[in-house]
Amino acid sequence: MNIAASALRAQQSRMRVIAENIANAQSTALVAGGEPYRRQMPVFQTQALDGGTGVQLAAVRRDMGEFRMEYDPSHPAANEEGYVMRPNVDTLVEAMDMREAQRAYEANLNVIETARAMDTRILDLLKR
């Protein structure tokens, strides 16, 4: 159960990072020619738990991919050529990542529920 719980915490952290990316997908820099929000990516590492291997969030790294450029000379954050740098966040990719994290979370929750049910059944058998 501890291993599945570590996976639940990891997926919860992943969903939090994805939600931040989606929330900032349309943001721009505060000043002309400045950099907008940069996509964040969770990095996980293994951890030893109860004779098994769990997972934990090791870091959140910035995606150094290219920003999207959008022509809008009237925008306050536009550069000299009239282009505004937009975040390197693709909301479709983020939505797919969110769905994958949700499914992994649900799978680990099922593992915990099944282990609990098995423990309860064993206790019931031992009481007889």
C-alpha atoms as a PDB file:
ATOM      1  CA  MET A   1       0.000   0.000   0.000  1.00  0.00           C
ATOM      2  CA  ASN A   2       2.884   2.382   0.699  1.00  0.00           C
ATOM      3  CA  ILE A   3       4.206   1.931  -2.819  1.00  0.00           C
ATOM      4  CA  ALA A   4       0.815   2.720  -4.350  1.00  0.00           C
ATOM      5  CA  ALA A   5       0.468   5.701  -1.981  1.00  0.00           C
ATOM      6  CA  SER A   6       3.807   7.063  -3.197  1.00  0.00           C
ATOM      7  CA  ALA A   7       2.511   6.778  -6.759  1.00  0.00           C
ATOM      8  CA  LEU A   8      -0.673   8.639  -5.749  1.00  0.00           C
ATOM      9  CA  ARG A   9       1.421  11.508  -4.341  1.00  0.00           C
ATOM     10  CA  ALA A  10       3.586  11.556  -7.484  1.00  0.00           C
ATOM     11  CA  GLN A  11       0.574  11.698  -9.816  1.00  0.00           C
ATOM     12  CA  GLN A  12      -1.029  14.395  -7.665  1.00  0.00           C
ATOM     13  CA  SER A  13       2.153  16.483  -8.026  1.00  0.00           C
ATOM     14  CA  ARG A  14       2.151  15.821 -11.761  1.00  0.00           C
ATOM     15  CA  MET A  15      -1.458  17.007 -12.085  1.00  0.00           C
ATOM     16  CA  ARG A  16      -0.611  20.175 -10.124  1.00  0.00           C
ATOM     17  CA  VAL A  17       2.242  20.995 -12.551  1.00  0.00           C
ATOM     18  CA  ILE A  18       0.008  20.298 -15.566  1.00  0.00           C
ATOM     19  CA  ALA A  19      -2.732  22.539 -14.135  1.00  0.00           C
ATOM     20  CA  GLU A  20      -0.187  25.343 -13.731  1.00  0.00           C
ATOM     21  CA  ASN A  21       0.908  24.900 -17.344  1.00  0.00           C
ATOM     22  CA  ILE A  22      -2.671  25.060 -18.603  1.00  0.00           C
ATOM     23  CA  ALA A  23      -3.435  28.095 -16.448  1.00  0.00           C
ATOM     24  CA  ASN A  24      -0.495  29.970 -17.954  1.00  0.00           C
ATOM     25  CA  ALA A  25      -0.886  28.799 -21.572  1.00  0.00           C
ATOM     26  CA  GLN A  26      -2.084  32.213 -22.797  1.00  0.00           C
ATOM     27  CA  SER A  27       0.045  34.451 -20.594  1.00  0.00           C
ATOM     28  CA  THR A  28       2.591  36.888 -21.996  1.00  0.00           C
ATOM     29  CA  ALA A  29       5.604  38.714 -20.651  1.00  0.00           C
ATOM     30  CA  LEU A  30       5.042  41.737 -18.478  1.00  0.00           C
ATOM     31  CA  VAL A  31       7.376  43.890 -20.581  1.00  0.00           C
ATOM     32  CA  ALA A  32       7.954  44.294 -24.318  1.00  0.00           C
ATOM     33  CA  GLY A  33      10.330  41.643 -25.656  1.00  0.00           C
ATOM     34  CA  GLY A  34      10.318  39.760 -22.328  1.00  0.00           C
ATOM     35  CA  GLU A  35       9.954  36.011 -21.905  1.00  0.00           C
ATOM     36  CA  PRO A  36       6.515  34.579 -21.099  1.00  0.00           C
ATOM     37  CA  TYR A  37       5.755  31.613 -18.876  1.00  0.00           C
ATOM     38  CA  ARG A  38       7.882  28.577 -19.673  1.00  0.00           C
ATOM     39  CA  ARG A  39       6.294  25.110 -19.520  1.00  0.00           C
ATOM     40  CA  GLN A  40       7.180  23.070 -16.439  1.00  0.00           C
ATOM     41  CA  MET A  41       7.865  19.324 -16.462  1.00  0.00           C
ATOM     42  CA  PRO A  42       7.852  17.031 -13.416  1.00  0.00           C
ATOM     43  CA  VAL A  43      10.835  14.718 -12.965  1.00  0.00           C
ATOM     44  CA  PHE A  44      10.374  11.579 -10.874  1.00  0.00           C
ATOM     45  CA  GLN A  45      12.828   9.273  -9.183  1.00  0.00           C
ATOM     46  CA  THR A  46      12.539   5.911  -7.504  1.00  0.00           C
ATOM     47  CA  GLN A  47      12.628   5.470  -3.756  1.00  0.00           C
ATOM     48  CA  ALA A  48      13.009   2.339  -1.660  1.00  0.00           C
ATOM     49  CA  LEU A  49       9.831   1.486   0.281  1.00  0.00           C
ATOM     50  CA  ASP A  50       9.040  -1.616   2.317  1.00  0.00           C
ATOM     51  CA  GLY A  51      11.304  -3.883   0.311  1.00  0.00           C
ATOM     52  CA  GLY A  52       9.922  -2.515  -2.978  1.00  0.00           C
ATOM     53  CA  THR A  53      10.386   0.508  -5.160  1.00  0.00           C
ATOM     54  CA  GLY A  54       8.139   3.556  -4.955  1.00  0.00           C
ATOM     55  CA  VAL A  55       8.278   6.867  -6.752  1.00  0.00           C
ATOM     56  CA  GLN A  56       8.633  10.486  -5.717  1.00  0.00           C
ATOM     57  CA  LEU A  57       8.803  13.889  -7.362  1.00  0.00           C
ATOM     58  CA  ALA A  58      12.496  14.776  -7.635  1.00  0.00           C
ATOM     59  CA  ALA A  59      12.236  18.170  -9.341  1.00  0.00           C
ATOM     60  CA  VAL A  60      10.202  20.372 -11.611  1.00  0.00           C
ATOM     61  CA  ARG A  61      12.230  21.466 -14.626  1.00  0.00           C
ATOM     62  CA  ARG A  62      11.603  24.167 -17.183  1.00  0.00           C
ATOM     63  CA  ASP A  63      11.000  23.089 -20.791  1.00  0.00           C
ATOM     64  CA  MET A  64      13.611  24.965 -22.806  1.00  0.00           C
ATOM     65  CA  GLY A  65      11.678  24.530 -26.068  1.00  0.00           C
ATOM     66  CA  GLU A  66      10.957  27.435 -28.384  1.00  0.00           C
ATOM     67  CA  PHE A  67       8.254  29.959 -27.594  1.00  0.00           C
ATOM     68  CA  ARG A  68       5.395  30.464 -30.037  1.00  0.00           C
ATOM     69  CA  MET A  69       5.545  33.772 -31.885  1.00  0.00           C
ATOM     70  CA  GLU A  70       2.296  35.586 -32.654  1.00  0.00           C
ATOM     71  CA  TYR A  71       1.991  38.764 -34.714  1.00  0.00           C
ATOM     72  CA  ASP A  72       0.152  41.405 -32.671  1.00  0.00           C
ATOM     73  CA  PRO A  73       1.856  44.811 -32.929  1.00  0.00           C
ATOM     74  CA  SER A  74      -0.730  46.446 -30.630  1.00  0.00           C
ATOM     75  CA  HIS A  75       0.053  44.107 -27.725  1.00  0.00           C
ATOM     76  CA  PRO A  76       2.075  45.712 -24.888  1.00  0.00           C
ATOM     77  CA  ALA A  77       4.547  42.797 -24.870  1.00  0.00           C
ATOM     78  CA  ALA A  78       5.235  42.982 -28.646  1.00  0.00           C
ATOM     79  CA  ASN A  79       8.848  43.281 -29.748  1.00  0.00           C
ATOM     80  CA  GLU A  80      10.155  45.766 -32.342  1.00  0.00           C
ATOM     81  CA  GLU A  81       8.818  43.648 -35.234  1.00  0.00           C
ATOM     82  CA  GLY A  82       5.347  43.407 -33.661  1.00  0.00           C
ATOM     83  CA  TYR A  83       5.622  39.787 -32.495  1.00  0.00           C
ATOM     84  CA  VAL A  84       4.555  38.607 -29.075  1.00  0.00           C
ATOM     85  CA  MET A  85       6.229  35.584 -27.504  1.00  0.00           C
ATOM     86  CA  ARG A  86       3.658  33.107 -26.222  1.00  0.00           C
ATOM     87  CA  PRO A  87       4.372  30.270 -23.763  1.00  0.00           C
ATOM     88  CA  ASN A  88       5.702  26.971 -25.092  1.00  0.00           C
ATOM     89  CA  VAL A  89       2.625  25.221 -23.663  1.00  0.00           C
ATOM     90  CA  ASP A  90       0.488  23.068 -25.959  1.00  0.00           C
ATOM     91  CA  THR A  91      -2.860  22.679 -24.206  1.00  0.00           C
ATOM     92  CA  LEU A  92      -3.652  19.497 -26.169  1.00  0.00           C
ATOM     93  CA  VAL A  93      -0.453  17.849 -24.919  1.00  0.00           C
ATOM     94  CA  GLU A  94      -1.212  19.052 -21.397  1.00  0.00           C
ATOM     95  CA  ALA A  95      -4.759  17.663 -21.581  1.00  0.00           C
ATOM     96  CA  MET A  96      -3.435  14.268 -22.712  1.00  0.00           C
ATOM     97  CA  ASP A  97      -0.827  14.301 -19.922  1.00  0.00           C
ATOM     98  CA  MET A  98      -3.556  15.182 -17.415  1.00  0.00           C
ATOM     99  CA  ARG A  99      -5.707  12.280 -18.584  1.00  0.00           C
ATOM    100  CA  GLU A 100      -2.755   9.895 -18.312  1.00  0.00           C
ATOM    101  CA  ALA A 101      -2.016  11.137 -14.782  1.00  0.00           C
ATOM    102  CA  GLN A 102      -5.676  10.690 -13.819  1.00  0.00           C
ATOM    103  CA  ARG A 103      -5.698   7.108 -15.097  1.00  0.00           C
ATOM    104  CA  ALA A 104      -2.469   6.292 -13.245  1.00  0.00           C
ATOM    105  CA  TYR A 105      -3.925   7.845 -10.084  1.00  0.00           C
ATOM    106  CA  GLU A 106      -7.098   5.748 -10.437  1.00  0.00           C
ATOM    107  CA  ALA A 107      -5.087   2.567 -11.029  1.00  0.00           C
ATOM    108  CA  ASN A 108      -3.035   3.110  -7.880  1.00  0.00           C
ATOM    109  CA  LEU A 109      -6.169   3.929  -5.911  1.00  0.00           C
ATOM    110  CA  ASN A 110      -7.609   0.579  -7.069  1.00  0.00           C
ATOM    111  CA  VAL A 111      -4.450  -1.158  -5.846  1.00  0.00           C
ATOM    112  CA  ILE A 112      -4.918   0.357  -2.391  1.00  0.00           C
ATOM    113  CA  GLU A 113      -8.621  -0.528  -2.288  1.00  0.00           C
ATOM    114  CA  THR A 114      -7.900  -4.111  -3.370  1.00  0.00           C
ATOM    115  CA  ALA A 115      -5.124  -4.501  -0.773  1.00  0.00           C
ATOM    116  CA  ARG A 116      -7.458  -3.164   1.936  1.00  0.00           C
ATOM    117  CA  ALA A 117     -10.194  -5.575   0.892  1.00  0.00           C
ATOM    118  CA  MET A 118      -7.727  -8.466   0.991  1.00  0.00           C
ATOM    119  CA  ASP A 119      -6.532  -7.456   4.476  1.00  0.00           C
ATOM    120  CA  THR A 120     -10.123  -7.247   5.696  1.00  0.00           C
ATOM    121  CA  ARG A 121     -10.910 -10.665   4.243  1.00  0.00           C
ATOM    122  CA  ILE A 122      -7.823 -12.196   5.904  1.00  0.00           C
ATOM    123  CA  LEU A 123      -8.835 -10.725   9.262  1.00  0.00           C
ATOM    124  CA  ASP A 124     -12.345 -12.125   8.821  1.00  0.00           C
ATOM    125  CA  LEU A 125     -10.908 -15.572   8.101  1.00  0.00           C
ATOM    126  CA  LEU A 126      -8.605 -15.407  11.128  1.00  0.00           C
ATOM    127  CA  LYS A 127     -11.509 -14.529  13.436  1.00  0.00           C
ATOM    128  CA  ARG A 128     -13.223 -17.839  12.663  1.00  0.00           C
END
